[in-house]
């Protein structure tokens, strides 16, 4: 059985605990991470959204979300 993008996101969360959009793009080619997080939440997973700030390679401040799996369905 082929894994879906949602399965890959859940697997990553279970193995690493957190995921960002950049990790989803780099590792799995997933560009709609927030949609799969929404689906996992609908399935009963408890996933928090933690905003963080960093500096990009151009010296600009950027904000992004780190999703963290607290409890699986």
N, C-alpha and C. Protein backbone atom coordinates (compact mmCIF):
# COMPACT_ATOMS: atom_id res chain seq x y z
N UNK A 1 0.84 -1.18 0.00
CA UNK A 1 0.00 0.00 0.00
C UNK A 1 0.88 1.24 0.00
N UNK A 2 0.58 2.17 -0.89
CA UNK A 2 1.34 3.40 -1.00
C UNK A 2 0.97 4.36 0.11
N UNK A 3 1.97 5.00 0.70
CA UNK A 3 1.71 5.97 1.75
C UNK A 3 1.23 7.28 1.14
N UNK A 4 0.29 7.90 1.83
CA UNK A 4 -0.19 9.21 1.41
C UNK A 4 0.69 10.29 2.04
N UNK A 5 0.53 11.51 1.57
CA UNK A 5 1.26 12.63 2.15
C UNK A 5 0.90 12.78 3.63
N UNK A 6 -0.37 12.57 3.97
CA UNK A 6 -0.80 12.65 5.37
C UNK A 6 -0.09 11.59 6.20
N UNK A 7 0.06 10.38 5.67
CA UNK A 7 0.77 9.31 6.36
C UNK A 7 2.23 9.71 6.61
N UNK A 8 2.85 10.32 5.61
CA UNK A 8 4.25 10.72 5.74
C UNK A 8 4.43 11.79 6.82
N UNK A 9 3.48 12.74 6.86
CA UNK A 9 3.54 13.79 7.89
C UNK A 9 3.39 13.16 9.27
N UNK A 10 2.43 12.26 9.43
CA UNK A 10 2.23 11.60 10.72
C UNK A 10 3.46 10.78 11.11
N UNK A 11 4.03 10.04 10.17
CA UNK A 11 5.24 9.26 10.45
C UNK A 11 6.37 10.18 10.93
N UNK A 12 6.53 11.31 10.26
CA UNK A 12 7.59 12.25 10.63
C UNK A 12 7.35 12.78 12.05
N UNK A 13 6.11 13.16 12.34
CA UNK A 13 5.78 13.66 13.67
C UNK A 13 6.03 12.61 14.74
N UNK A 14 5.68 11.38 14.45
CA UNK A 14 5.89 10.31 15.43
C UNK A 14 7.38 10.04 15.65
N UNK A 15 8.17 10.15 14.61
CA UNK A 15 9.60 9.87 14.73
C UNK A 15 10.38 11.04 15.32
N UNK A 16 10.02 12.27 14.92
CA UNK A 16 10.81 13.45 15.30
C UNK A 16 10.10 14.38 16.30
N UNK A 17 8.79 14.25 16.41
CA UNK A 17 8.04 15.07 17.35
C UNK A 17 7.54 16.39 16.78
N UNK A 18 8.28 16.98 15.85
CA UNK A 18 7.89 18.26 15.25
C UNK A 18 8.13 18.22 13.74
N UNK A 19 7.51 19.20 13.05
CA UNK A 19 7.75 19.37 11.62
C UNK A 19 7.48 20.82 11.25
N UNK A 20 8.24 21.33 10.30
CA UNK A 20 8.02 22.66 9.74
C UNK A 20 7.69 22.52 8.27
N UNK A 21 7.19 23.59 7.68
CA UNK A 21 6.89 23.57 6.24
C UNK A 21 8.14 23.28 5.43
N UNK A 22 9.26 23.85 5.83
CA UNK A 22 10.51 23.64 5.10
C UNK A 22 10.93 22.18 5.14
N UNK A 23 10.80 21.54 6.30
CA UNK A 23 11.13 20.11 6.40
C UNK A 23 10.21 19.28 5.52
N UNK A 24 8.92 19.63 5.49
CA UNK A 24 7.96 18.90 4.66
C UNK A 24 8.30 19.03 3.18
N UNK A 25 8.72 20.22 2.77
CA UNK A 25 9.09 20.44 1.36
C UNK A 25 10.37 19.67 1.03
N UNK A 26 11.38 19.84 1.86
CA UNK A 26 12.68 19.20 1.59
C UNK A 26 12.60 17.67 1.61
N UNK A 27 11.95 17.12 2.62
CA UNK A 27 11.97 15.68 2.82
C UNK A 27 10.93 14.92 2.02
N UNK A 28 9.78 15.54 1.77
CA UNK A 28 8.67 14.79 1.17
C UNK A 28 8.03 15.47 -0.05
N UNK A 29 8.48 16.67 -0.39
CA UNK A 29 7.88 17.40 -1.50
C UNK A 29 6.47 17.87 -1.19
N UNK A 30 6.14 18.00 0.09
CA UNK A 30 4.80 18.41 0.52
C UNK A 30 4.77 19.92 0.68
N UNK A 31 3.89 20.57 -0.08
CA UNK A 31 3.78 22.03 -0.02
C UNK A 31 2.52 22.49 0.71
N UNK A 32 1.66 21.58 1.10
CA UNK A 32 0.40 21.92 1.77
C UNK A 32 0.37 21.34 3.18
N UNK A 33 1.43 21.54 3.92
CA UNK A 33 1.55 20.94 5.25
C UNK A 33 0.37 21.30 6.15
N UNK A 34 -0.05 22.55 6.14
CA UNK A 34 -1.13 22.95 7.04
C UNK A 34 -2.42 22.18 6.78
N UNK A 35 -2.66 21.79 5.54
CA UNK A 35 -3.86 21.00 5.22
C UNK A 35 -3.76 19.60 5.83
N UNK A 36 -2.60 19.00 5.77
CA UNK A 36 -2.44 17.66 6.34
C UNK A 36 -2.48 17.72 7.86
N UNK A 37 -1.97 18.80 8.45
CA UNK A 37 -2.09 18.99 9.89
C UNK A 37 -3.57 19.11 10.26
N UNK A 38 -4.34 19.86 9.48
CA UNK A 38 -5.78 20.00 9.72
C UNK A 38 -6.47 18.64 9.67
N UNK A 39 -6.12 17.83 8.68
CA UNK A 39 -6.72 16.50 8.55
C UNK A 39 -6.35 15.61 9.74
N UNK A 40 -5.10 15.66 10.16
CA UNK A 40 -4.67 14.85 11.31
C UNK A 40 -5.39 15.28 12.58
N UNK A 41 -5.58 16.58 12.73
CA UNK A 41 -6.34 17.07 13.89
C UNK A 41 -7.77 16.58 13.83
N UNK A 42 -8.36 16.58 12.65
CA UNK A 42 -9.72 16.07 12.48
C UNK A 42 -9.81 14.58 12.82
N UNK A 43 -8.72 13.87 12.58
CA UNK A 43 -8.65 12.44 12.90
C UNK A 43 -8.43 12.20 14.39
N UNK A 44 -8.22 13.26 15.16
CA UNK A 44 -8.07 13.12 16.61
C UNK A 44 -6.68 13.36 17.15
N UNK A 45 -5.71 13.62 16.31
CA UNK A 45 -4.35 13.91 16.79
C UNK A 45 -4.33 15.29 17.45
N UNK A 46 -3.59 15.39 18.54
CA UNK A 46 -3.40 16.67 19.20
C UNK A 46 -2.06 17.23 18.73
N UNK A 47 -2.13 18.29 17.92
CA UNK A 47 -0.94 18.90 17.34
C UNK A 47 -0.99 20.39 17.64
N UNK A 48 0.07 20.90 18.26
CA UNK A 48 0.13 22.33 18.56
C UNK A 48 0.86 23.07 17.45
N UNK A 49 0.56 24.35 17.33
CA UNK A 49 1.22 25.25 16.38
C UNK A 49 2.00 26.28 17.17
N UNK A 50 3.29 26.27 17.04
CA UNK A 50 4.15 27.20 17.77
C UNK A 50 4.87 28.11 16.79
N UNK A 51 4.53 29.41 16.84
CA UNK A 51 5.19 30.37 15.96
C UNK A 51 6.58 30.67 16.49
N UNK A 52 7.54 30.78 15.59
CA UNK A 52 8.91 31.11 15.96
C UNK A 52 9.47 32.12 14.97
N UNK A 53 10.52 32.79 15.36
CA UNK A 53 11.18 33.76 14.49
C UNK A 53 12.62 33.35 14.29
N UNK A 54 13.13 33.71 13.12
CA UNK A 54 14.52 33.44 12.80
C UNK A 54 14.97 34.49 11.81
N UNK A 55 16.24 34.47 11.46
CA UNK A 55 16.80 35.39 10.47
C UNK A 55 17.15 34.57 9.23
N UNK A 56 16.69 35.03 8.05
CA UNK A 56 17.00 34.30 6.83
C UNK A 56 18.38 34.70 6.30
N UNK A 57 18.77 34.13 5.19
CA UNK A 57 20.11 34.36 4.65
C UNK A 57 20.34 35.79 4.18
N UNK A 58 19.26 36.57 4.06
CA UNK A 58 19.37 37.97 3.65
C UNK A 58 19.35 38.92 4.86
N UNK A 59 19.29 38.34 6.05
CA UNK A 59 19.28 39.15 7.25
C UNK A 59 17.89 39.63 7.65
N UNK A 60 16.85 39.13 6.97
CA UNK A 60 15.48 39.51 7.28
C UNK A 60 14.91 38.61 8.37
N UNK A 61 14.07 39.20 9.22
CA UNK A 61 13.38 38.40 10.23
C UNK A 61 12.23 37.67 9.56
N UNK A 62 12.11 36.38 9.81
CA UNK A 62 11.03 35.57 9.25
C UNK A 62 10.32 34.83 10.38
N UNK A 63 9.03 34.61 10.18
CA UNK A 63 8.23 33.85 11.15
C UNK A 63 7.69 32.61 10.46
N UNK A 64 7.66 31.51 11.20
CA UNK A 64 7.11 30.27 10.67
C UNK A 64 6.60 29.42 11.83
N UNK A 65 5.80 28.42 11.48
CA UNK A 65 5.18 27.56 12.48
C UNK A 65 5.96 26.26 12.61
N UNK A 66 6.12 25.83 13.85
CA UNK A 66 6.63 24.49 14.14
C UNK A 66 5.45 23.70 14.71
N UNK A 67 5.05 22.67 14.00
CA UNK A 67 3.95 21.81 14.46
C UNK A 67 4.53 20.73 15.35
N UNK A 68 3.88 20.50 16.50
CA UNK A 68 4.36 19.50 17.44
C UNK A 68 3.25 18.52 17.79
N UNK A 69 3.55 17.24 17.65
CA UNK A 69 2.60 16.19 18.00
C UNK A 69 2.61 15.99 19.51
N UNK A 70 1.46 16.21 20.14
CA UNK A 70 1.33 16.03 21.59
C UNK A 70 0.71 14.68 21.91
N UNK A 71 -0.25 14.27 21.09
CA UNK A 71 -0.95 13.01 21.34
C UNK A 71 -1.49 12.48 20.01
N UNK A 72 -1.27 11.20 19.78
CA UNK A 72 -1.80 10.56 18.57
C UNK A 72 -3.21 10.07 18.83
N UNK A 73 -4.01 10.00 17.78
CA UNK A 73 -5.40 9.58 17.83
C UNK A 73 -5.66 8.35 18.64
